[in-house]
């Protein structure tokens, strides 16, 4: 098991982590991603995305996409999800940046 640090609030940090892993020349058998933030105040990341959305979903999506060539068809990806408030509505694709209203269900 190898640990490579990254800051999911920065997509450039995620890209750097992917490049570090690729330089190691290892094959990835499995990946587990889990929610990194919960119940923090609404804010935008340096990339202009709502922080929950980027840190719990977009960062992992980007990392996995960048590392696909290090994975075999038998590799497994597990993304754990969490729900902060069940009364919150699901996001709409018209407002993926969550500029209108606060999105409180956390998907990753």
PDB file of N, CA and C in Angstrom:
ATOM      1  N   UNK A   1       0.846  -1.158   0.000  1.00  0.00           N
ATOM      2  CA  UNK A   1       0.000   0.000   0.000  1.00  0.00           C
ATOM      3  C   UNK A   1       0.900   1.232   0.000  1.00  0.00           C
ATOM      4  N   UNK A   2       0.598   2.155  -0.879  1.00  0.00           N
ATOM      5  CA  UNK A   2       1.347   3.408  -0.966  1.00  0.00           C
ATOM      6  C   UNK A   2       0.422   4.568  -0.638  1.00  0.00           C
ATOM      7  N   UNK A   3       0.952   5.556   0.031  1.00  0.00           N
ATOM      8  CA  UNK A   3       0.188   6.753   0.348  1.00  0.00           C
ATOM      9  C   UNK A   3       0.820   7.938  -0.369  1.00  0.00           C
ATOM     10  N   UNK A   4       0.025   8.641  -1.155  1.00  0.00           N
ATOM     11  CA  UNK A   4       0.475   9.840  -1.858  1.00  0.00           C
ATOM     12  C   UNK A   4      -0.448  10.974  -1.436  1.00  0.00           C
ATOM     13  N   UNK A   5       0.091  11.979  -0.757  1.00  0.00           N
ATOM     14  CA  UNK A   5      -0.778  13.066  -0.281  1.00  0.00           C
ATOM     15  C   UNK A   5      -1.268  13.954  -1.420  1.00  0.00           C
ATOM     16  N   UNK A   6      -2.470  14.458  -1.256  1.00  0.00           N
ATOM     17  CA  UNK A   6      -3.030  15.423  -2.201  1.00  0.00           C
ATOM     18  C   UNK A   6      -4.049  16.281  -1.472  1.00  0.00           C
ATOM     19  N   UNK A   7      -4.339  17.419  -2.025  1.00  0.00           N
ATOM     20  CA  UNK A   7      -5.343  18.326  -1.478  1.00  0.00           C
ATOM     21  C   UNK A   7      -6.516  18.316  -2.446  1.00  0.00           C
ATOM     22  N   UNK A   8      -7.623  17.703  -2.051  1.00  0.00           N
ATOM     23  CA  UNK A   8      -8.765  17.589  -2.950  1.00  0.00           C
ATOM     24  C   UNK A   8      -9.444  18.931  -3.217  1.00  0.00           C
ATOM     25  N   UNK A   9      -9.075  19.965  -2.476  1.00  0.00           N
ATOM     26  CA  UNK A   9      -9.611  21.300  -2.733  1.00  0.00           C
ATOM     27  C   UNK A   9      -8.855  21.984  -3.870  1.00  0.00           C
ATOM     28  N   UNK A  10      -7.829  21.324  -4.389  1.00  0.00           N
ATOM     29  CA  UNK A  10      -7.023  21.878  -5.475  1.00  0.00           C
ATOM     30  C   UNK A  10      -6.855  20.824  -6.563  1.00  0.00           C
ATOM     31  N   UNK A  11      -7.467  21.058  -7.714  1.00  0.00           N
ATOM     32  CA  UNK A  11      -7.358  20.081  -8.797  1.00  0.00           C
ATOM     33  C   UNK A  11      -5.930  19.985  -9.328  1.00  0.00           C
ATOM     34  N   UNK A  12      -5.140  21.041  -9.204  1.00  0.00           N
ATOM     35  CA  UNK A  12      -3.738  20.954  -9.615  1.00  0.00           C
ATOM     36  C   UNK A  12      -2.969  20.024  -8.670  1.00  0.00           C
ATOM     37  N   UNK A  13      -3.330  20.007  -7.395  1.00  0.00           N
ATOM     38  CA  UNK A  13      -2.721  19.078  -6.441  1.00  0.00           C
ATOM     39  C   UNK A  13      -3.084  17.641  -6.791  1.00  0.00           C
ATOM     40  N   UNK A  14      -4.312  17.425  -7.229  1.00  0.00           N
ATOM     41  CA  UNK A  14      -4.751  16.093  -7.644  1.00  0.00           C
ATOM     42  C   UNK A  14      -3.966  15.653  -8.876  1.00  0.00           C
ATOM     43  N   UNK A  15      -3.766  16.566  -9.816  1.00  0.00           N
ATOM     44  CA  UNK A  15      -2.975  16.242 -11.015  1.00  0.00           C
ATOM     45  C   UNK A  15      -1.533  15.901 -10.631  1.00  0.00           C
ATOM     46  N   UNK A  16      -0.967  16.662  -9.689  1.00  0.00           N
ATOM     47  CA  UNK A  16       0.398  16.387  -9.227  1.00  0.00           C
ATOM     48  C   UNK A  16       0.493  15.004  -8.592  1.00  0.00           C
ATOM     49  N   UNK A  17      -0.510  14.640  -7.794  1.00  0.00           N
ATOM     50  CA  UNK A  17      -0.514  13.320  -7.160  1.00  0.00           C
ATOM     51  C   UNK A  17      -0.581  12.223  -8.222  1.00  0.00           C
ATOM     52  N   UNK A  18      -1.417  12.417  -9.233  1.00  0.00           N
ATOM     53  CA  UNK A  18      -1.519  11.430 -10.316  1.00  0.00           C
ATOM     54  C   UNK A  18      -0.180  11.284 -11.037  1.00  0.00           C
ATOM     55  N   UNK A  19       0.488  12.391 -11.298  1.00  0.00           N
ATOM     56  CA  UNK A  19       1.801  12.333 -11.957  1.00  0.00           C
ATOM     57  C   UNK A  19       2.826  11.619 -11.087  1.00  0.00           C
ATOM     58  N   UNK A  20       2.787  11.857  -9.775  1.00  0.00           N
ATOM     59  CA  UNK A  20       3.695  11.177  -8.847  1.00  0.00           C
ATOM     60  C   UNK A  20       3.471   9.675  -8.890  1.00  0.00           C
ATOM     61  N   UNK A  21       2.217   9.263  -8.879  1.00  0.00           N
ATOM     62  CA  UNK A  21       1.891   7.837  -8.922  1.00  0.00           C
ATOM     63  C   UNK A  21       2.336   7.220 -10.238  1.00  0.00           C
ATOM     64  N   UNK A  22       2.100   7.916 -11.345  1.00  0.00           N
ATOM     65  CA  UNK A  22       2.507   7.394 -12.655  1.00  0.00           C
ATOM     66  C   UNK A  22       4.019   7.210 -12.732  1.00  0.00           C
ATOM     67  N   UNK A  23       4.778   8.148 -12.151  1.00  0.00           N
ATOM     68  CA  UNK A  23       6.239   8.060 -12.168  1.00  0.00           C
ATOM     69  C   UNK A  23       6.747   6.863 -11.374  1.00  0.00           C
ATOM     70  N   UNK A  24       5.964   6.386 -10.410  1.00  0.00           N
ATOM     71  CA  UNK A  24       6.355   5.215  -9.619  1.00  0.00           C
ATOM     72  C   UNK A  24       6.331   3.951 -10.461  1.00  0.00           C
ATOM     73  N   UNK A  25       5.547   3.961 -11.542  1.00  0.00           N
ATOM     74  CA  UNK A  25       5.478   2.815 -12.430  1.00  0.00           C
ATOM     75  C   UNK A  25       4.800   1.599 -11.823  1.00  0.00           C
ATOM     76  N   UNK A  26       3.894   1.836 -10.889  1.00  0.00           N
ATOM     77  CA  UNK A  26       3.204   0.717 -10.242  1.00  0.00           C
ATOM     78  C   UNK A  26       1.852   0.479 -10.913  1.00  0.00           C
ATOM     79  N   UNK A  27       1.365  -0.740 -10.770  1.00  0.00           N
ATOM     80  CA  UNK A  27       0.030  -1.075 -11.243  1.00  0.00           C
ATOM     81  C   UNK A  27      -0.937  -0.891 -10.080  1.00  0.00           C
ATOM     82  N   UNK A  28      -2.077  -0.280 -10.341  1.00  0.00           N
ATOM     83  CA  UNK A  28      -3.061  -0.028  -9.291  1.00  0.00           C
ATOM     84  C   UNK A  28      -4.107  -1.128  -9.325  1.00  0.00           C
ATOM     85  N   UNK A  29      -4.179  -1.874  -8.236  1.00  0.00           N
ATOM     86  CA  UNK A  29      -5.153  -2.960  -8.128  1.00  0.00           C
ATOM     87  C   UNK A  29      -6.476  -2.484  -7.558  1.00  0.00           C
ATOM     88  N   UNK A  30      -6.430  -1.452  -6.723  1.00  0.00           N
ATOM     89  CA  UNK A  30      -7.652  -0.965  -6.102  1.00  0.00           C
ATOM     90  C   UNK A  30      -7.513   0.471  -5.638  1.00  0.00           C
ATOM     91  N   UNK A  31      -8.633   1.140  -5.559  1.00  0.00           N
ATOM     92  CA  UNK A  31      -8.685   2.535  -5.112  1.00  0.00           C
ATOM     93  C   UNK A  31      -9.935   2.701  -4.263  1.00  0.00           C
ATOM     94  N   UNK A  32      -9.791   3.321  -3.094  1.00  0.00           N
ATOM     95  CA  UNK A  32     -10.928   3.625  -2.244  1.00  0.00           C
ATOM     96  C   UNK A  32     -10.951   5.129  -2.004  1.00  0.00           C
ATOM     97  N   UNK A  33     -12.043   5.764  -2.373  1.00  0.00           N
ATOM     98  CA  UNK A  33     -12.232   7.194  -2.132  1.00  0.00           C
ATOM     99  C   UNK A  33     -13.379   7.384  -1.156  1.00  0.00           C
ATOM    100  N   UNK A  34     -13.234   8.338  -0.273  1.00  0.00           N
ATOM    101  CA  UNK A  34     -14.266   8.575   0.736  1.00  0.00           C
ATOM    102  C   UNK A  34     -14.460  10.076   0.919  1.00  0.00           C
ATOM    103  N   UNK A  35     -15.600  10.488   1.451  1.00  0.00           N
ATOM    104  CA  UNK A  35     -15.856  11.915   1.646  1.00  0.00           C
ATOM    105  C   UNK A  35     -14.771  12.554   2.517  1.00  0.00           C
ATOM    106  N   UNK A  36     -14.245  13.659   2.044  1.00  0.00           N
ATOM    107  CA  UNK A  36     -13.170  14.319   2.788  1.00  0.00           C
ATOM    108  C   UNK A  36     -13.662  15.510   3.603  1.00  0.00           C
ATOM    109  N   UNK A  37     -14.803  16.061   3.249  1.00  0.00           N
ATOM    110  CA  UNK A  37     -15.353  17.173   4.030  1.00  0.00           C
ATOM    111  C   UNK A  37     -16.835  16.940   4.264  1.00  0.00           C
ATOM    112  N   UNK A  38     -17.300  17.403   5.400  1.00  0.00           N
ATOM    113  CA  UNK A  38     -18.726  17.346   5.716  1.00  0.00           C
ATOM    114  C   UNK A  38     -19.055  18.517   6.628  1.00  0.00           C
ATOM    115  N   UNK A  39     -20.192  19.110   6.395  1.00  0.00           N
ATOM    116  CA  UNK A  39     -20.737  20.146   7.267  1.00  0.00           C
ATOM    117  C   UNK A  39     -19.820  21.352   7.425  1.00  0.00           C
ATOM    118  N   UNK A  40     -19.081  21.697   6.370  1.00  0.00           N
ATOM    119  CA  UNK A  40     -18.292  22.936   6.409  1.00  0.00           C
ATOM    120  C   UNK A  40     -19.105  24.044   5.759  1.00  0.00           C
ATOM    121  N   UNK A  41     -18.813  25.298   6.062  1.00  0.00           N
ATOM    122  CA  UNK A  41     -19.560  26.394   5.437  1.00  0.00           C
ATOM    123  C   UNK A  41     -19.414  26.380   3.917  1.00  0.00           C
ATOM    124  N   UNK A  42     -20.423  26.904   3.228  1.00  0.00           N
ATOM    125  CA  UNK A  42     -20.390  26.961   1.768  1.00  0.00           C
ATOM    126  C   UNK A  42     -19.240  27.858   1.331  1.00  0.00           C
ATOM    127  N   UNK A  43     -18.430  27.355   0.402  1.00  0.00           N
ATOM    128  CA  UNK A  43     -17.356  28.165  -0.175  1.00  0.00           C
ATOM    129  C   UNK A  43     -16.927  27.565  -1.500  1.00  0.00           C
ATOM    130  N   UNK A  44     -16.250  28.370  -2.282  1.00  0.00           N
ATOM    131  CA  UNK A  44     -15.721  27.907  -3.552  1.00  0.00           C
ATOM    132  C   UNK A  44     -14.259  27.524  -3.383  1.00  0.00           C
ATOM    133  N   UNK A  45     -13.822  26.524  -4.130  1.00  0.00           N
ATOM    134  CA  UNK A  45     -12.410  26.153  -4.140  1.00  0.00           C
ATOM    135  C   UNK A  45     -11.659  27.116  -5.043  1.00  0.00           C
ATOM    136  N   UNK A  46     -10.353  26.984  -5.076  1.00  0.00           N
ATOM    137  CA  UNK A  46      -9.540  27.820  -5.967  1.00  0.00           C
ATOM    138  C   UNK A  46      -9.877  27.564  -7.432  1.00  0.00           C
ATOM    139  N   UNK A  47     -10.500  26.426  -7.706  1.00  0.00           N
ATOM    140  CA  UNK A  47     -10.903  26.079  -9.070  1.00  0.00           C
ATOM    141  C   UNK A  47     -12.286  26.611  -9.424  1.00  0.00           C
ATOM    142  N   UNK A  48     -12.973  27.235  -8.446  1.00  0.00           N
ATOM    143  CA  UNK A  48     -14.281  27.819  -8.694  1.00  0.00           C
ATOM    144  C   UNK A  48     -15.455  26.877  -8.516  1.00  0.00           C
ATOM    145  N   UNK A  49     -15.219  25.727  -7.881  1.00  0.00           N
ATOM    146  CA  UNK A  49     -16.288  24.757  -7.634  1.00  0.00           C
ATOM    147  C   UNK A  49     -16.706  24.795  -6.169  1.00  0.00           C
ATOM    148  N   UNK A  50     -17.959  24.436  -5.907  1.00  0.00           N
ATOM    149  CA  UNK A  50     -18.413  24.344  -4.519  1.00  0.00           C
ATOM    150  C   UNK A  50     -17.557  23.286  -3.824  1.00  0.00           C
ATOM    151  N   UNK A  51     -17.102  23.592  -2.607  1.00  0.00           N
ATOM    152  CA  UNK A  51     -16.083  22.772  -1.953  1.00  0.00           C
ATOM    153  C   UNK A  51     -16.517  21.327  -1.689  1.00  0.00           C
ATOM    154  N   UNK A  52     -17.738  21.107  -1.219  1.00  0.00           N
ATOM    155  CA  UNK A  52     -18.189  19.735  -0.989  1.00  0.00           C
ATOM    156  C   UNK A  52     -18.154  18.933  -2.290  1.00  0.00           C
ATOM    157  N   UNK A  53     -18.667  19.515  -3.352  1.00  0.00           N
ATOM    158  CA  UNK A  53     -18.765  18.838  -4.640  1.00  0.00           C
ATOM    159  C   UNK A  53     -17.376  18.486  -5.174  1.00  0.00           C
ATOM    160  N   UNK A  54     -16.459  19.435  -5.115  1.00  0.00           N
ATOM    161  CA  UNK A  54     -15.125  19.168  -5.631  1.00  0.00           C
ATOM    162  C   UNK A  54     -14.374  18.158  -4.770  1.00  0.00           C
ATOM    163  N   UNK A  55     -14.382  18.357  -3.462  1.00  0.00           N
ATOM    164  CA  UNK A  55     -13.573  17.518  -2.589  1.00  0.00           C
ATOM    165  C   UNK A  55     -14.124  16.105  -2.424  1.00  0.00           C
ATOM    166  N   UNK A  56     -15.408  15.925  -2.593  1.00  0.00           N
ATOM    167  CA  UNK A  56     -15.998  14.608  -2.399  1.00  0.00           C
ATOM    168  C   UNK A  56     -16.344  13.892  -3.698  1.00  0.00           C
ATOM    169  N   UNK A  57     -16.278  14.595  -4.827  1.00  0.00           N
ATOM    170  CA  UNK A  57     -16.633  13.952  -6.091  1.00  0.00           C
ATOM    171  C   UNK A  57     -15.642  14.287  -7.216  1.00  0.00           C
ATOM    172  N   UNK A  58     -15.552  15.557  -7.582  1.00  0.00           N
ATOM    173  CA  UNK A  58     -14.748  15.941  -8.743  1.00  0.00           C
ATOM    174  C   UNK A  58     -13.288  15.533  -8.621  1.00  0.00           C
ATOM    175  N   UNK A  59     -12.696  15.707  -7.451  1.00  0.00           N
ATOM    176  CA  UNK A  59     -11.279  15.377  -7.275  1.00  0.00           C
ATOM    177  C   UNK A  59     -11.032  13.887  -7.510  1.00  0.00           C
ATOM    178  N   UNK A  60     -11.919  13.033  -7.000  1.00  0.00           N
ATOM    179  CA  UNK A  60     -11.754  11.596  -7.203  1.00  0.00           C
ATOM    180  C   UNK A  60     -12.005  11.208  -8.648  1.00  0.00           C
ATOM    181  N   UNK A  61     -12.982  11.826  -9.269  1.00  0.00           N
ATOM    182  CA  UNK A  61     -13.249  11.554 -10.679  1.00  0.00           C
ATOM    183  C   UNK A  61     -12.011  11.880 -11.516  1.00  0.00           C
ATOM    184  N   UNK A  62     -11.422  13.052 -11.265  1.00  0.00           N
ATOM    185  CA  UNK A  62     -10.229  13.454 -12.002  1.00  0.00           C
ATOM    186  C   UNK A  62      -9.075  12.492 -11.735  1.00  0.00           C
ATOM    187  N   UNK A  63      -8.840  12.171 -10.483  1.00  0.00           N
ATOM    188  CA  UNK A  63      -7.725  11.283 -10.141  1.00  0.00           C
ATOM    189  C   UNK A  63      -7.869   9.920 -10.811  1.00  0.00           C
ATOM    190  N   UNK A  64      -9.039   9.357 -10.745  1.00  0.00           N
ATOM    191  CA  UNK A  64      -9.258   8.043 -11.357  1.00  0.00           C
ATOM    192  C   UNK A  64      -9.084   8.120 -12.868  1.00  0.00           C
ATOM    193  N   UNK A  65      -9.630   9.162 -13.493  1.00  0.00           N
ATOM    194  CA  UNK A  65      -9.479   9.322 -14.949  1.00  0.00           C
ATOM    195  C   UNK A  65      -8.000   9.423 -15.333  1.00  0.00           C
ATOM    196  N   UNK A  66      -7.211  10.142 -14.539  1.00  0.00           N
ATOM    197  CA  UNK A  66      -5.791  10.304 -14.845  1.00  0.00           C
ATOM    198  C   UNK A  66      -4.997   9.016 -14.620  1.00  0.00           C
ATOM    199  N   UNK A  67      -5.514   8.127 -13.790  1.00  0.00           N
ATOM    200  CA  UNK A  67      -4.786   6.909 -13.457  1.00  0.00           C
ATOM    201  C   UNK A  67      -5.312   5.653 -14.162  1.00  0.00           C
ATOM    202  N   UNK A  68      -6.266   5.807 -15.050  1.00  0.00           N
ATOM    203  CA  UNK A  68      -6.848   4.635 -15.722  1.00  0.00           C
ATOM    204  C   UNK A  68      -5.805   3.789 -16.436  1.00  0.00           C
ATOM    205  N   UNK A  69      -4.790   4.423 -17.006  1.00  0.00           N
ATOM    206  CA  UNK A  69      -3.787   3.635 -17.724  1.00  0.00           C
ATOM    207  C   UNK A  69      -2.876   2.852 -16.773  1.00  0.00           C
ATOM    208  N   UNK A  70      -2.977   3.104 -15.471  1.00  0.00           N
ATOM    209  CA  UNK A  70      -2.231   2.331 -14.463  1.00  0.00           C
ATOM    210  C   UNK A  70      -3.067   1.189 -13.899  1.00  0.00           C
ATOM    211  N   UNK A  71      -4.308   1.080 -14.357  1.00  0.00           N
ATOM    212  CA  UNK A  71      -5.220   0.067 -13.835  1.00  0.00           C
ATOM    213  C   UNK A  71      -5.506  -0.983 -14.892  1.00  0.00           C
ATOM    214  N   UNK A  72      -5.646  -2.214 -14.436  1.00  0.00           N
ATOM    215  CA  UNK A  72      -6.017  -3.298 -15.344  1.00  0.00           C
ATOM    216  C   UNK A  72      -7.532  -3.447 -15.324  1.00  0.00           C
ATOM    217  N   UNK A  73      -8.091  -4.226 -16.238  1.00  0.00           N
ATOM    218  CA  UNK A  73      -9.538  -4.464 -16.200  1.00  0.00           C
ATOM    219  C   UNK A  73     -10.004  -5.111 -14.893  1.00  0.00           C
ATOM    220  N   UNK A  74      -9.088  -5.770 -14.173  1.00  0.00           N
ATOM    221  CA  UNK A  74      -9.453  -6.410 -12.907  1.00  0.00           C
ATOM    222  C   UNK A  74      -9.359  -5.453 -11.716  1.00  0.00           C
ATOM    223  N   UNK A  75      -8.833  -4.248 -11.918  1.00  0.00           N
ATOM    224  CA  UNK A  75      -8.730  -3.279 -10.817  1.00  0.00           C
ATOM    225  C   UNK A  75     -10.112  -2.874 -10.342  1.00  0.00           C
ATOM    226  N   UNK A  76     -10.202  -2.526  -9.078  1.00  0.00           N
ATOM    227  CA  UNK A  76     -11.480  -2.139  -8.485  1.00  0.00           C
ATOM    228  C   UNK A  76     -11.409  -0.734  -7.938  1.00  0.00           C
ATOM    229  N   UNK A  77     -12.474   0.027  -8.151  1.00  0.00           N
ATOM    230  CA  UNK A  77     -12.607   1.382  -7.619  1.00  0.00           C
ATOM    231  C   UNK A  77     -13.836   1.395  -6.726  1.00  0.00           C
ATOM    232  N   UNK A  78     -13.677   1.851  -5.497  1.00  0.00           N
ATOM    233  CA  UNK A  78     -14.778   1.960  -4.554  1.00  0.00           C
ATOM    234  C   UNK A  78     -14.850   3.414  -4.107  1.00  0.00           C
ATOM    235  N   UNK A  79     -16.009   4.031  -4.311  1.00  0.00           N
ATOM    236  CA  UNK A  79     -16.242   5.389  -3.844  1.00  0.00           C
ATOM    237  C   UNK A  79     -17.334   5.336  -2.793  1.00  0.00           C
ATOM    238  N   UNK A  80     -17.003   5.759  -1.599  1.00  0.00           N
ATOM    239  CA  UNK A  80     -17.934   5.757  -0.481  1.00  0.00           C
ATOM    240  C   UNK A  80     -18.711   7.059  -0.518  1.00  0.00           C
ATOM    241  N   UNK A  81     -19.996   6.994  -0.244  1.00  0.00           N
ATOM    242  CA  UNK A  81     -20.812   8.200  -0.239  1.00  0.00           C
ATOM    243  C   UNK A  81     -21.334   8.476   1.158  1.00  0.00           C
ATOM    244  N   UNK A  82     -21.753   9.703   1.355  1.00  0.00           N
ATOM    245  CA  UNK A  82     -22.326  10.091   2.645  1.00  0.00           C
ATOM    246  C   UNK A  82     -23.479  11.053   2.386  1.00  0.00           C
ATOM    247  N   UNK A  83     -24.405  11.059   3.276  1.00  0.00           N
ATOM    248  CA  UNK A  83     -25.535  11.967   3.191  1.00  0.00           C
ATOM    249  C   UNK A  83     -25.582  12.778   4.470  1.00  0.00           C
ATOM    250  N   UNK A  84     -25.502  14.080   4.332  1.00  0.00           N
ATOM    251  CA  UNK A  84     -25.514  14.929   5.515  1.00  0.00           C
ATOM    252  C   UNK A  84     -26.923  15.237   5.964  1.00  0.00           C
ATOM    253  N   UNK A  85     -27.767  15.599   5.022  1.00  0.00           N
ATOM    254  CA  UNK A  85     -29.142  15.928   5.355  1.00  0.00           C
ATOM    255  C   UNK A  85     -30.075  15.323   4.319  1.00  0.00           C
ATOM    256  N   UNK A  86     -30.923  14.455   4.764  1.00  0.00           N
ATOM    257  CA  UNK A  86     -31.806  13.761   3.830  1.00  0.00           C
ATOM    258  C   UNK A  86     -32.896  14.665   3.277  1.00  0.00           C
ATOM    259  N   UNK A  87     -33.174  15.793   3.916  1.00  0.00           N
ATOM    260  CA  UNK A  87     -34.224  16.675   3.417  1.00  0.00           C
ATOM    261  C   UNK A  87     -33.737  17.578   2.279  1.00  0.00           C
ATOM    262  N   UNK A  88     -32.456  17.586   2.014  1.00  0.00           N
ATOM    263  CA  UNK A  88     -31.919  18.411   0.930  1.00  0.00           C
ATOM    264  C   UNK A  88     -32.242  17.768  -0.412  1.00  0.00           C
ATOM    265  N   UNK A  89     -32.510  18.599  -1.388  1.00  0.00           N
ATOM    266  CA  UNK A  89     -32.817  18.068  -2.721  1.00  0.00           C
ATOM    267  C   UNK A  89     -31.533  17.672  -3.447  1.00  0.00           C
ATOM    268  N   UNK A  90     -31.679  16.811  -4.415  1.00  0.00           N
ATOM    269  CA  UNK A  90     -30.541  16.392  -5.230  1.00  0.00           C
ATOM    270  C   UNK A  90     -30.117  17.544  -6.134  1.00  0.00           C
ATOM    271  N   UNK A  91     -28.869  17.546  -6.575  1.00  0.00           N
ATOM    272  CA  UNK A  91     -28.393  18.625  -7.455  1.00  0.00           C
ATOM    273  C   UNK A  91     -29.042  18.543  -8.833  1.00  0.00           C
ATOM    274  N   UNK A  92     -29.034  19.653  -9.518  1.00  0.00           N
ATOM    275  CA  UNK A  92     -29.522  19.667 -10.893  1.00  0.00           C
ATOM    276  C   UNK A  92     -28.341  19.925 -11.813  1.00  0.00           C
ATOM    277  N   UNK A  93     -28.372  19.378 -13.006  1.00  0.00           N
ATOM    278  CA  UNK A  93     -27.267  19.555 -13.938  1.00  0.00           C
ATOM    279  C   UNK A  93     -27.211  20.977 -14.485  1.00  0.00           C
ATOM    280  N   UNK A  94     -28.280  21.734 -14.314  1.00  0.00           N
ATOM    281  CA  UNK A  94     -28.260  23.129 -14.752  1.00  0.00           C
ATOM    282  C   UNK A  94     -27.431  24.003 -13.808  1.00  0.00           C
ATOM    283  N   UNK A  95     -27.163  23.509 -12.591  1.00  0.00           N
ATOM    284  CA  UNK A  95     -26.426  24.288 -11.593  1.00  0.00           C
ATOM    285  C   UNK A  95     -25.385  23.404 -10.913  1.00  0.00           C
ATOM    286  N   UNK A  96     -24.455  22.829 -11.701  1.00  0.00           N
ATOM    287  CA  UNK A  96     -23.472  21.925 -11.121  1.00  0.00           C
ATOM    288  C   UNK A  96     -22.502  22.632 -10.189  1.00  0.00           C
ATOM    289  N   UNK A  97     -22.392  23.950 -10.296  1.00  0.00           N
ATOM    290  CA  UNK A  97     -21.535  24.707  -9.389  1.00  0.00           C
ATOM    291  C   UNK A  97     -22.221  25.101  -8.106  1.00  0.00           C
ATOM    292  N   UNK A  98     -23.503  24.720  -7.964  1.00  0.00           N
ATOM    293  CA  UNK A  98     -24.295  24.988  -6.772  1.00  0.00           C
ATOM    294  C   UNK A  98     -24.356  26.479  -6.441  1.00  0.00           C
ATOM    295  N   UNK A  99     -24.486  27.291  -7.474  1.00  0.00           N
ATOM    296  CA  UNK A  99     -24.593  28.731  -7.269  1.00  0.00           C
ATOM    297  C   UNK A  99     -25.970  29.120  -6.739  1.00  0.00           C
ATOM    298  N   UNK A 100     -26.980  28.325  -7.061  1.00  0.00           N
ATOM    299  CA  UNK A 100     -28.346  28.604  -6.608  1.00  0.00           C
ATOM    300  C   UNK A 100     -28.688  27.610  -5.511  1.00  0.00           C
ATOM    301  N   UNK A 101     -28.773  28.086  -4.308  1.00  0.00           N
ATOM    302  CA  UNK A 101     -29.109  27.202  -3.189  1.00  0.00           C
ATOM    303  C   UNK A 101     -27.936  26.414  -2.691  1.00  0.00           C
ATOM    304  N   UNK A 102     -28.074  25.850  -1.539  1.00  0.00           N
ATOM    305  CA  UNK A 102     -27.023  25.083  -0.911  1.00  0.00           C
ATOM    306  C   UNK A 102     -27.308  23.608  -1.077  1.00  0.00           C
ATOM    307  N   UNK A 103     -26.358  22.889  -1.598  1.00  0.00           N
ATOM    308  CA  UNK A 103     -26.486  21.454  -1.797  1.00  0.00           C
ATOM    309  C   UNK A 103     -25.911  20.755  -0.578  1.00  0.00           C
ATOM    310  N   UNK A 104     -26.713  19.963   0.104  1.00  0.00           N
ATOM    311  CA  UNK A 104     -26.268  19.368   1.353  1.00  0.00           C
ATOM    312  C   UNK A 104     -26.095  17.862   1.298  1.00  0.00           C
ATOM    313  N   UNK A 105     -26.555  17.222   0.245  1.00  0.00           N
ATOM    314  CA  UNK A 105     -26.244  15.792   0.103  1.00  0.00           C
ATOM    315  C   UNK A 105     -24.859  15.704  -0.506  1.00  0.00           C
ATOM    316  N   UNK A 106     -24.046  14.855   0.036  1.00  0.00           N
ATOM    317  CA  UNK A 106     -22.676  14.775  -0.426  1.00  0.00           C
ATOM    318  C   UNK A 106     -22.482  13.476  -1.196  1.00  0.00           C
ATOM    319  N   UNK A 107     -22.104  13.602  -2.434  1.00  0.00           N
ATOM    320  CA  UNK A 107     -21.845  12.444  -3.274  1.00  0.00           C
ATOM    321  C   UNK A 107     -20.366  12.390  -3.593  1.00  0.00           C
ATOM    322  N   UNK A 108     -19.835  11.198  -3.645  1.00  0.00           N
ATOM    323  CA  UNK A 108     -18.452  11.072  -4.115  1.00  0.00           C
ATOM    324  C   UNK A 108     -18.309   9.793  -4.894  1.00  0.00           C
TER     325      UNK A 108
END
